[in-house]
Amino acid sequence: MIPTPKEAWELLCTYNQGEFHQKHGRIVGDVMRWFARELGYGEEADFWEAVGILHDLDFEQWPDQHCIKEQELLREQNVDERLIHAVASHGYALTVEIRPEHEMERVLYAVDELTGLIGAVALMRPSKSVSDMEVKSVKKKYKDKKFAAGCSREVIERGAAMLDWDLDALISKTIQAMRASSSVD
């Protein structure tokens, strides 16, 4: 079974009650949908979005089993193995050794942490928005390892390398994707 974005959202809310995790799932889902269209996978946009929504399914309740427990939860729901591989692969070299293989998995790996960093930068701006954000604003905060310290720069850089994109291109595209999201304030 491949859940629709609506079904993915309902499943996410089953295991994540907190607004932060729900909002993060929505944002990453929207960003993944944008990238699907941008990279020529428009016919798979629902799948990419569902992966984005579900990628942290287990994090709120089982942070110490992140990307491990979600595989079990998704298998219990008879979810397609492609989706299970995709969501679990975003924990590559952190909690699992499931390598991101498909371009969609590499995008998820690269943008998961970056959406958090960009969101934190937005909160520091007078507009509190990504609508007027530039790459240089993100890069300035990116260099400060204490700023949004929970957002791994190593993962972001590894993700950009997996995609063969430079960091500026990844940041620029992710800002554009977040601007298109109805879930970003």
N, C-alpha and C. Protein backbone atom coordinates (compact mmCIF):
# COMPACT_ATOMS: atom_id res chain seq x y z
N MET A 1 0.84 -1.17 0.00
CA MET A 1 0.00 0.00 0.00
C MET A 1 0.89 1.24 0.00
N ILE A 2 0.56 2.17 -0.87
CA ILE A 2 1.24 3.46 -0.89
C ILE A 2 0.22 4.49 -0.41
N PRO A 3 0.45 5.09 0.75
CA PRO A 3 -0.52 6.04 1.27
C PRO A 3 -0.55 7.33 0.45
N THR A 4 -1.73 7.89 0.33
CA THR A 4 -1.87 9.22 -0.25
C THR A 4 -1.28 10.22 0.75
N PRO A 5 -1.03 11.45 0.34
CA PRO A 5 -0.59 12.45 1.31
C PRO A 5 -1.57 12.59 2.49
N LYS A 6 -2.88 12.52 2.21
CA LYS A 6 -3.87 12.62 3.28
C LYS A 6 -3.74 11.44 4.26
N GLU A 7 -3.59 10.24 3.71
CA GLU A 7 -3.42 9.05 4.57
C GLU A 7 -2.10 9.11 5.34
N ALA A 8 -1.07 9.63 4.69
CA ALA A 8 0.23 9.79 5.37
C ALA A 8 0.09 10.75 6.53
N TRP A 9 -0.63 11.84 6.31
CA TRP A 9 -0.85 12.83 7.37
C TRP A 9 -1.58 12.20 8.55
N GLU A 10 -2.63 11.44 8.27
CA GLU A 10 -3.39 10.78 9.34
C GLU A 10 -2.50 9.81 10.12
N LEU A 11 -1.65 9.09 9.42
CA LEU A 11 -0.74 8.15 10.08
C LEU A 11 0.29 8.91 10.92
N LEU A 12 0.82 9.99 10.38
CA LEU A 12 1.77 10.80 11.15
C LEU A 12 1.13 11.27 12.45
N CYS A 13 -0.10 11.75 12.37
CA CYS A 13 -0.79 12.27 13.56
C CYS A 13 -1.13 11.18 14.57
N THR A 14 -1.18 9.94 14.12
CA THR A 14 -1.41 8.82 15.04
C THR A 14 -0.26 8.69 16.02
N TYR A 15 0.96 8.93 15.56
CA TYR A 15 2.15 8.75 16.39
C TYR A 15 2.80 10.05 16.82
N ASN A 16 2.34 11.18 16.31
CA ASN A 16 2.93 12.47 16.64
C ASN A 16 1.84 13.45 17.02
N GLN A 17 1.77 13.77 18.29
CA GLN A 17 0.74 14.68 18.78
C GLN A 17 1.23 16.13 18.83
N GLY A 18 2.54 16.30 18.92
CA GLY A 18 3.10 17.64 19.08
C GLY A 18 3.05 18.46 17.80
N GLU A 19 2.73 19.74 17.96
CA GLU A 19 2.63 20.65 16.82
C GLU A 19 3.94 20.73 16.04
N PHE A 20 5.07 20.73 16.74
CA PHE A 20 6.37 20.85 16.06
C PHE A 20 6.57 19.72 15.06
N HIS A 21 6.38 18.47 15.50
CA HIS A 21 6.61 17.32 14.63
C HIS A 21 5.59 17.26 13.49
N GLN A 22 4.35 17.62 13.79
CA GLN A 22 3.34 17.63 12.74
C GLN A 22 3.67 18.69 11.69
N LYS A 23 4.04 19.88 12.14
CA LYS A 23 4.37 20.95 11.20
C LYS A 23 5.60 20.58 10.37
N HIS A 24 6.60 20.00 11.01
CA HIS A 24 7.80 19.59 10.28
C HIS A 24 7.45 18.57 9.21
N GLY A 25 6.58 17.62 9.53
CA GLY A 25 6.15 16.64 8.54
C GLY A 25 5.46 17.29 7.36
N ARG A 26 4.59 18.25 7.64
CA ARG A 26 3.89 18.96 6.56
C ARG A 26 4.87 19.74 5.69
N ILE A 27 5.79 20.45 6.33
CA ILE A 27 6.76 21.25 5.57
C ILE A 27 7.62 20.36 4.68
N VAL A 28 8.17 19.31 5.25
CA VAL A 28 9.03 18.42 4.47
C VAL A 28 8.22 17.75 3.36
N GLY A 29 6.97 17.40 3.64
CA GLY A 29 6.11 16.85 2.60
C GLY A 29 5.91 17.84 1.45
N ASP A 30 5.63 19.09 1.78
CA ASP A 30 5.46 20.12 0.75
C ASP A 30 6.74 20.34 -0.04
N VAL A 31 7.86 20.37 0.66
CA VAL A 31 9.15 20.57 0.01
C VAL A 31 9.45 19.40 -0.94
N MET A 32 9.15 18.20 -0.50
CA MET A 32 9.39 17.03 -1.35
C MET A 32 8.49 17.06 -2.59
N ARG A 33 7.26 17.48 -2.44
CA ARG A 33 6.35 17.62 -3.59
C ARG A 33 6.93 18.63 -4.59
N TRP A 34 7.42 19.75 -4.09
CA TRP A 34 8.01 20.78 -4.95
C TRP A 34 9.20 20.21 -5.71
N PHE A 35 10.07 19.51 -5.01
CA PHE A 35 11.24 18.93 -5.66
C PHE A 35 10.85 17.87 -6.70
N ALA A 36 9.81 17.08 -6.41
CA ALA A 36 9.36 16.09 -7.39
C ALA A 36 9.03 16.77 -8.71
N ARG A 37 8.30 17.84 -8.62
CA ARG A 37 7.92 18.58 -9.83
C ARG A 37 9.14 19.24 -10.48
N GLU A 38 9.98 19.84 -9.67
CA GLU A 38 11.15 20.56 -10.17
C GLU A 38 12.13 19.64 -10.90
N LEU A 39 12.25 18.41 -10.41
CA LEU A 39 13.24 17.47 -10.94
C LEU A 39 12.67 16.51 -11.99
N GLY A 40 11.42 16.74 -12.40
CA GLY A 40 10.85 15.92 -13.47
C GLY A 40 10.14 14.66 -13.01
N TYR A 41 9.75 14.60 -11.75
CA TYR A 41 9.04 13.44 -11.22
C TYR A 41 7.61 13.82 -10.83
N GLY A 42 7.02 14.73 -11.59
CA GLY A 42 5.69 15.24 -11.25
C GLY A 42 4.64 14.16 -11.07
N GLU A 43 4.73 13.09 -11.84
CA GLU A 43 3.74 12.01 -11.71
C GLU A 43 3.90 11.25 -10.39
N GLU A 44 5.02 11.44 -9.72
CA GLU A 44 5.26 10.79 -8.44
C GLU A 44 5.17 11.78 -7.26
N ALA A 45 4.62 12.96 -7.51
CA ALA A 45 4.60 14.01 -6.48
C ALA A 45 3.88 13.57 -5.21
N ASP A 46 2.78 12.82 -5.34
CA ASP A 46 2.07 12.34 -4.14
C ASP A 46 2.95 11.41 -3.32
N PHE A 47 3.68 10.53 -4.01
CA PHE A 47 4.58 9.60 -3.33
C PHE A 47 5.68 10.37 -2.60
N TRP A 48 6.31 11.32 -3.30
CA TRP A 48 7.37 12.12 -2.68
C TRP A 48 6.83 12.87 -1.46
N GLU A 49 5.63 13.43 -1.59
CA GLU A 49 5.03 14.15 -0.47
C GLU A 49 4.76 13.22 0.71
N ALA A 50 4.21 12.04 0.44
CA ALA A 50 3.94 11.08 1.51
C ALA A 50 5.23 10.69 2.23
N VAL A 51 6.30 10.50 1.49
CA VAL A 51 7.60 10.18 2.10
C VAL A 51 8.02 11.33 3.02
N GLY A 52 7.89 12.56 2.54
CA GLY A 52 8.26 13.71 3.36
C GLY A 52 7.43 13.81 4.64
N ILE A 53 6.15 13.57 4.52
CA ILE A 53 5.27 13.62 5.69
C ILE A 53 5.65 12.55 6.71
N LEU A 54 5.97 11.36 6.24
CA LEU A 54 6.18 10.22 7.14
C LEU A 54 7.63 10.03 7.60
N HIS A 55 8.56 10.82 7.12
CA HIS A 55 9.97 10.52 7.37
C HIS A 55 10.34 10.48 8.85
N ASP A 56 9.67 11.24 9.70
CA ASP A 56 9.96 11.23 11.14
C ASP A 56 8.84 10.58 11.94
N LEU A 57 8.16 9.63 11.36
CA LEU A 57 7.01 8.98 11.99
C LEU A 57 7.29 8.54 13.42
N ASP A 58 8.47 8.02 13.66
CA ASP A 58 8.80 7.45 14.98
C ASP A 58 9.51 8.41 15.92
N PHE A 59 9.87 9.58 15.46
CA PHE A 59 10.78 10.43 16.23
C PHE A 59 10.20 10.94 17.54
N GLU A 60 8.94 11.33 17.56
CA GLU A 60 8.36 11.88 18.78
C GLU A 60 8.31 10.85 19.91
N GLN A 61 7.89 9.64 19.62
CA GLN A 61 7.73 8.63 20.66
C GLN A 61 8.95 7.75 20.88
N TRP A 62 9.75 7.55 19.84
CA TRP A 62 10.89 6.65 19.93
C TRP A 62 12.16 7.30 19.36
N PRO A 63 12.59 8.43 19.90
CA PRO A 63 13.76 9.12 19.32
C PRO A 63 15.03 8.28 19.33
N ASP A 64 15.14 7.39 20.29
CA ASP A 64 16.33 6.53 20.37
C ASP A 64 16.28 5.39 19.36
N GLN A 65 15.14 5.20 18.68
CA GLN A 65 15.00 4.17 17.65
C GLN A 65 14.63 4.79 16.30
N HIS A 66 14.99 6.06 16.14
CA HIS A 66 14.60 6.80 14.95
C HIS A 66 15.11 6.12 13.67
N CYS A 67 14.23 6.00 12.71
CA CYS A 67 14.45 5.35 11.41
C CYS A 67 14.50 3.83 11.52
N ILE A 68 14.37 3.32 12.72
CA ILE A 68 14.31 1.87 12.94
C ILE A 68 12.86 1.48 13.26
N LYS A 69 12.30 2.13 14.28
CA LYS A 69 10.92 1.83 14.70
C LYS A 69 9.92 2.14 13.59
N GLU A 70 10.17 3.21 12.82
CA GLU A 70 9.21 3.57 11.77
C GLU A 70 9.09 2.47 10.72
N GLN A 71 10.15 1.73 10.48
CA GLN A 71 10.06 0.62 9.54
C GLN A 71 9.05 -0.41 10.03
N GLU A 72 9.12 -0.72 11.31
CA GLU A 72 8.18 -1.68 11.91
C GLU A 72 6.75 -1.14 11.84
N LEU A 73 6.57 0.13 12.21
CA LEU A 73 5.23 0.73 12.19
C LEU A 73 4.64 0.73 10.79
N LEU A 74 5.44 1.05 9.81
CA LEU A 74 4.95 1.10 8.43
C LEU A 74 4.65 -0.30 7.88
N ARG A 75 5.48 -1.27 8.25
CA ARG A 75 5.21 -2.65 7.82
C ARG A 75 3.90 -3.17 8.42
N GLU A 76 3.61 -2.77 9.67
CA GLU A 76 2.35 -3.16 10.30
C GLU A 76 1.15 -2.61 9.51
N GLN A 77 1.36 -1.50 8.81
CA GLN A 77 0.31 -0.88 8.00
C GLN A 77 0.33 -1.38 6.55
N ASN A 78 1.20 -2.37 6.27
CA ASN A 78 1.37 -2.92 4.91
C ASN A 78 1.77 -1.86 3.88
N VAL A 79 2.61 -0.94 4.31
CA VAL A 79 3.09 0.11 3.42
C VAL A 79 4.15 -0.46 2.50
N ASP A 80 4.14 -0.01 1.26
CA ASP A 80 5.07 -0.44 0.22
C ASP A 80 6.53 -0.29 0.70
N GLU A 81 7.33 -1.29 0.40
CA GLU A 81 8.74 -1.29 0.84
C GLU A 81 9.54 -0.12 0.26
N ARG A 82 9.15 0.38 -0.92
CA ARG A 82 9.86 1.54 -1.47
C ARG A 82 9.74 2.75 -0.55
N LEU A 83 8.55 2.95 0.00
CA LEU A 83 8.35 4.07 0.93
C LEU A 83 9.10 3.82 2.22
N ILE A 84 9.09 2.61 2.71
CA ILE A 84 9.80 2.28 3.94
C ILE A 84 11.29 2.53 3.76
N HIS A 85 11.85 2.08 2.66
CA HIS A 85 13.27 2.32 2.38
C HIS A 85 13.55 3.82 2.32
N ALA A 86 12.68 4.55 1.66
CA ALA A 86 12.88 6.00 1.49
C ALA A 86 12.92 6.72 2.83
N VAL A 87 11.93 6.47 3.69
CA VAL A 87 11.90 7.20 4.96
C VAL A 87 13.07 6.77 5.86
N ALA A 88 13.38 5.50 5.86
CA ALA A 88 14.47 5.02 6.71
C ALA A 88 15.83 5.53 6.23
N SER A 89 15.98 5.72 4.93
CA SER A 89 17.29 6.12 4.40
C SER A 89 17.70 7.53 4.81
N HIS A 90 16.77 8.33 5.29
CA HIS A 90 17.18 9.68 5.72
C HIS A 90 17.97 9.63 7.03
N GLY A 91 18.02 8.46 7.65
CA GLY A 91 18.84 8.28 8.85
C GLY A 91 20.20 7.66 8.54
N TYR A 92 20.57 7.62 7.27
CA TYR A 92 21.83 7.01 6.84
C TYR A 92 23.02 7.61 7.59
N ALA A 93 23.87 6.71 8.08
CA ALA A 93 25.11 7.05 8.79
C ALA A 93 24.84 7.76 10.11
N LEU A 94 23.58 7.79 10.53
CA LEU A 94 23.23 8.35 11.83
C LEU A 94 22.66 7.26 12.73
N THR A 95 21.55 6.66 12.28
CA THR A 95 20.90 5.61 13.06
C THR A 95 20.75 4.31 12.29
N VAL A 96 20.88 4.38 10.96
CA VAL A 96 20.76 3.18 10.11
C VAL A 96 21.82 3.23 9.02
N GLU A 97 22.05 2.09 8.41
CA GLU A 97 22.99 2.02 7.29
C GLU A 97 22.25 1.79 5.97
N ILE A 98 21.06 2.32 5.90
CA ILE A 98 20.25 2.23 4.68
C ILE A 98 20.59 3.45 3.85
N ARG A 99 21.32 3.23 2.79
CA ARG A 99 21.83 4.33 1.96
C ARG A 99 20.74 4.92 1.06
N PRO A 100 20.64 6.24 0.99
CA PRO A 100 19.72 6.86 0.03
C PRO A 100 20.16 6.52 -1.39
N GLU A 101 19.30 5.85 -2.14
CA GLU A 101 19.66 5.40 -3.48
C GLU A 101 18.99 6.23 -4.57
N HIS A 102 17.68 6.33 -4.50
CA HIS A 102 16.92 7.07 -5.51
C HIS A 102 17.14 8.57 -5.29
N GLU A 103 17.00 9.34 -6.35
CA GLU A 103 17.17 10.80 -6.23
C GLU A 103 16.24 11.37 -5.17
N MET A 104 15.03 10.85 -5.08
CA MET A 104 14.08 11.30 -4.07
C MET A 104 14.62 11.09 -2.66
N GLU A 105 15.26 9.96 -2.42
CA GLU A 105 15.83 9.68 -1.10
C GLU A 105 16.99 10.62 -0.79
N ARG A 106 17.78 10.93 -1.80
CA ARG A 106 18.89 11.86 -1.60
C ARG A 106 18.38 13.27 -1.32
N VAL A 107 17.28 13.65 -1.99
CA VAL A 107 16.68 14.96 -1.72
C VAL A 107 16.19 15.00 -0.27
N LEU A 108 15.47 13.98 0.17
CA LEU A 108 14.98 13.94 1.55
C LEU A 108 16.15 14.05 2.52
N TYR A 109 17.19 13.29 2.28
CA TYR A 109 18.36 13.31 3.15
C TYR A 109 18.93 14.72 3.25
N ALA A 110 19.00 15.41 2.12
CA ALA A 110 19.60 16.75 2.08
C ALA A 110 18.71 17.82 2.69
N VAL A 111 17.40 17.74 2.47
CA VAL A 111 16.53 18.85 2.88
C VAL A 111 15.93 18.71 4.27
N ASP A 112 15.92 17.54 4.84
CA ASP A 112 15.32 17.37 6.17
C ASP A 112 15.94 18.32 7.17
N GLU A 113 17.23 18.25 7.35
CA GLU A 113 17.91 19.13 8.30
C GLU A 113 17.88 20.58 7.83
N LEU A 114 18.01 20.78 6.52
CA LEU A 114 18.08 22.13 5.98
C LEU A 114 16.78 22.89 6.17
N THR A 115 15.64 22.23 6.06
CA THR A 115 14.37 22.94 6.29
C THR A 115 14.31 23.47 7.72
N GLY A 116 14.85 22.71 8.67
CA GLY A 116 14.89 23.18 10.05
C GLY A 116 15.78 24.40 10.21
N LEU A 117 16.93 24.36 9.57
CA LEU A 117 17.86 25.49 9.64
C LEU A 117 17.26 26.74 9.00
N ILE A 118 16.68 26.57 7.81
CA ILE A 118 16.06 27.71 7.13
C ILE A 118 14.90 28.26 7.95
N GLY A 119 14.12 27.39 8.55
CA GLY A 119 13.03 27.83 9.42
C GLY A 119 13.53 28.64 10.60
N ALA A 120 14.65 28.22 11.18
CA ALA A 120 15.24 28.95 12.30
C ALA A 120 15.76 30.31 11.84
N VAL A 121 16.36 30.37 10.67
CA VAL A 121 16.83 31.65 10.12
C VAL A 121 15.63 32.58 9.91
N ALA A 122 14.55 32.05 9.39
CA ALA A 122 13.36 32.86 9.15
C ALA A 122 12.86 33.51 10.44
N LEU A 123 12.89 32.77 11.52
CA LEU A 123 12.42 33.32 12.80
C LEU A 123 13.26 34.49 13.29
N MET A 124 14.50 34.58 12.84
CA MET A 124 15.41 35.66 13.25
C MET A 124 15.24 36.91 12.38
N ARG A 125 14.54 36.79 11.29
CA ARG A 125 14.38 37.90 10.34
C ARG A 125 13.25 38.82 10.79
N PRO A 126 13.33 40.10 10.47
CA PRO A 126 12.23 41.01 10.81
C PRO A 126 10.88 40.54 10.25
N SER A 127 10.90 39.96 9.05
CA SER A 127 9.66 39.49 8.42
C SER A 127 9.18 38.15 9.00
N LYS A 128 10.08 37.44 9.67
CA LYS A 128 9.80 36.09 10.19
C LYS A 128 9.35 35.15 9.08
N SER A 129 9.90 35.34 7.89
CA SER A 129 9.42 34.65 6.70
C SER A 129 10.56 34.22 5.79
N VAL A 130 10.29 33.21 4.96
CA VAL A 130 11.23 32.82 3.91
C VAL A 130 10.98 33.61 2.63
N SER A 131 9.89 34.36 2.59
CA SER A 131 9.49 35.03 1.35
C SER A 131 10.52 36.04 0.86
N ASP A 132 11.27 36.63 1.76
CA ASP A 132 12.28 37.61 1.37
C ASP A 132 13.70 37.14 1.72
N MET A 133 13.86 35.87 1.98
CA MET A 133 15.14 35.32 2.39
C MET A 133 16.05 35.08 1.19
N GLU A 134 17.33 35.31 1.40
CA GLU A 134 18.33 35.05 0.37
C GLU A 134 19.31 34.00 0.88
N VAL A 135 20.00 33.37 -0.05
CA VAL A 135 20.96 32.33 0.30
C VAL A 135 22.00 32.87 1.28
N LYS A 136 22.47 34.10 1.06
CA LYS A 136 23.53 34.64 1.93
C LYS A 136 23.08 34.75 3.39
N SER A 137 21.78 34.98 3.62
CA SER A 137 21.27 35.03 5.00
C SER A 137 21.39 33.67 5.67
N VAL A 138 21.07 32.62 4.92
CA VAL A 138 21.17 31.26 5.45
C VAL A 138 22.64 30.90 5.66
N LYS A 139 23.48 31.23 4.68
CA LYS A 139 24.91 30.88 4.77
C LYS A 139 25.57 31.55 5.99
N LYS A 140 25.18 32.77 6.29
CA LYS A 140 25.74 33.48 7.44
C LYS A 140 25.44 32.72 8.73
N LYS A 141 24.20 32.31 8.90
CA LYS A 141 23.81 31.56 10.09
C LYS A 141 24.35 30.12 10.04
N TYR A 142 24.46 29.58 8.86
CA TYR A 142 24.97 28.22 8.66
C TYR A 142 26.38 28.09 9.23
N LYS A 143 27.17 29.12 9.06
CA LYS A 143 28.57 29.11 9.52
C LYS A 143 28.67 29.12 11.04
N ASP A 144 27.65 29.64 11.71
CA ASP A 144 27.63 29.70 13.17
C ASP A 144 27.12 28.37 13.70
N LYS A 145 28.04 27.52 14.14
CA LYS A 145 27.69 26.16 14.57
C LYS A 145 26.77 26.14 15.80
N LYS A 146 26.73 27.24 16.55
CA LYS A 146 25.85 27.31 17.72
C LYS A 146 24.41 27.62 17.32
N PHE A 147 24.24 28.25 16.15
CA PHE A 147 22.89 28.59 15.68
C PHE A 147 22.22 27.32 15.15
N ALA A 148 21.01 27.06 15.63
CA ALA A 148 20.28 25.85 15.22
C ALA A 148 21.21 24.64 15.27
N ALA A 149 21.85 24.48 16.41
CA ALA A 149 22.88 23.45 16.57
C ALA A 149 22.36 22.04 16.31
N GLY A 150 21.07 21.82 16.45
CA GLY A 150 20.50 20.50 16.21
C GLY A 150 20.38 20.14 14.74
N CYS A 151 20.62 21.11 13.87
CA CYS A 151 20.56 20.87 12.42
C CYS A 151 21.96 20.54 11.94
N SER A 152 22.18 19.30 11.60
CA SER A 152 23.51 18.82 11.25
C SER A 152 24.00 19.37 9.92
N ARG A 153 25.04 20.19 9.99
CA ARG A 153 25.66 20.71 8.77
C ARG A 153 26.32 19.58 7.98
N GLU A 154 26.84 18.60 8.69
CA GLU A 154 27.49 17.45 8.04
C GLU A 154 26.49 16.69 7.16
N VAL A 155 25.28 16.47 7.68
CA VAL A 155 24.24 15.77 6.91
C VAL A 155 23.84 16.62 5.70
N ILE A 156 23.66 17.91 5.90
CA ILE A 156 23.27 18.79 4.80
C ILE A 156 24.33 18.75 3.71
N GLU A 157 25.60 18.84 4.09
CA GLU A 157 26.69 18.82 3.11
C GLU A 157 26.80 17.46 2.42
N ARG A 158 26.62 16.40 3.19
CA ARG A 158 26.66 15.05 2.60
C ARG A 158 25.50 14.89 1.62
N GLY A 159 24.34 15.42 1.97
CA GLY A 159 23.19 15.35 1.08
C GLY A 159 23.42 16.12 -0.21
N ALA A 160 23.98 17.32 -0.11
CA ALA A 160 24.29 18.11 -1.31
C ALA A 160 25.26 17.33 -2.20
N ALA A 161 26.26 16.72 -1.59
CA ALA A 161 27.24 15.94 -2.36
C ALA A 161 26.58 14.74 -3.03
N MET A 162 25.65 14.06 -2.34
CA MET A 162 24.94 12.93 -2.94
C MET A 162 24.17 13.35 -4.18
N LEU A 163 23.70 14.59 -4.18
CA LEU A 163 22.93 15.12 -5.31
C LEU A 163 23.82 15.76 -6.38
N ASP A 164 25.11 15.87 -6.09
CA ASP A 164 26.04 16.58 -6.96
C ASP A 164 25.65 18.05 -7.14
N TRP A 165 25.17 18.65 -6.06
CA TRP A 165 24.82 20.07 -6.05
C TRP A 165 25.78 20.77 -5.09
N ASP A 166 26.09 22.03 -5.37
CA ASP A 166 26.84 22.76 -4.37
C ASP A 166 25.87 23.24 -3.29
N LEU A 167 26.41 23.64 -2.17
CA LEU A 167 25.58 24.03 -1.03
C LEU A 167 24.66 25.20 -1.38
N ASP A 168 25.16 26.18 -2.11
CA ASP A 168 24.33 27.33 -2.47
C ASP A 168 23.11 26.89 -3.29
N ALA A 169 23.30 25.97 -4.22
CA ALA A 169 22.19 25.50 -5.05
C ALA A 169 21.16 24.78 -4.18
N LEU A 170 21.61 23.94 -3.27
CA LEU A 170 20.70 23.23 -2.38
C LEU A 170 19.91 24.21 -1.52
N ILE A 171 20.60 25.19 -0.95
CA ILE A 171 19.92 26.17 -0.11
C ILE A 171 18.91 26.97 -0.93
N SER A 172 19.32 27.42 -2.10
CA SER A 172 18.44 28.22 -2.95
C SER A 172 17.18 27.45 -3.32
N LYS A 173 17.34 26.21 -3.75
CA LYS A 173 16.18 25.40 -4.15
C LYS A 173 15.28 25.12 -2.95
N THR A 174 15.87 24.89 -1.80
CA THR A 174 15.06 24.59 -0.62
C THR A 174 14.30 25.82 -0.16
N ILE A 175 14.90 26.99 -0.25
CA ILE A 175 14.17 28.23 0.06
C ILE A 175 12.98 28.37 -0.89
N GLN A 176 13.20 28.14 -2.18
CA GLN A 176 12.10 28.24 -3.15
C GLN A 176 10.99 27.24 -2.81
N ALA A 177 11.37 26.03 -2.45
CA ALA A 177 10.40 25.01 -2.11
C ALA A 177 9.61 25.41 -0.86
N MET A 178 10.30 25.99 0.11
CA MET A 178 9.61 26.41 1.34
C MET A 178 8.69 27.60 1.08
N ARG A 179 9.07 28.47 0.16
CA ARG A 179 8.18 29.59 -0.21
C ARG A 179 6.89 29.07 -0.80
N ALA A 180 6.95 27.96 -1.51
CA ALA A 180 5.77 27.39 -2.15
C ALA A 180 4.88 26.61 -1.19
N SER A 181 5.37 26.35 0.01
CA SER A 181 4.64 25.55 1.00
C SER A 181 3.60 26.37 1.71
N SER A 182 2.41 25.84 1.79
CA SER A 182 1.35 26.49 2.57
C SER A 182 1.52 26.24 4.06
N SER A 183 2.45 25.35 4.42
CA SER A 183 2.67 25.00 5.82
C SER A 183 3.71 25.89 6.50
N VAL A 184 4.44 26.66 5.71
CA VAL A 184 5.46 27.56 6.26
C VAL A 184 4.80 28.88 6.58
N ASP A 185 5.00 29.36 7.80
CA ASP A 185 4.40 30.64 8.20
C ASP A 185 5.03 31.79 7.46
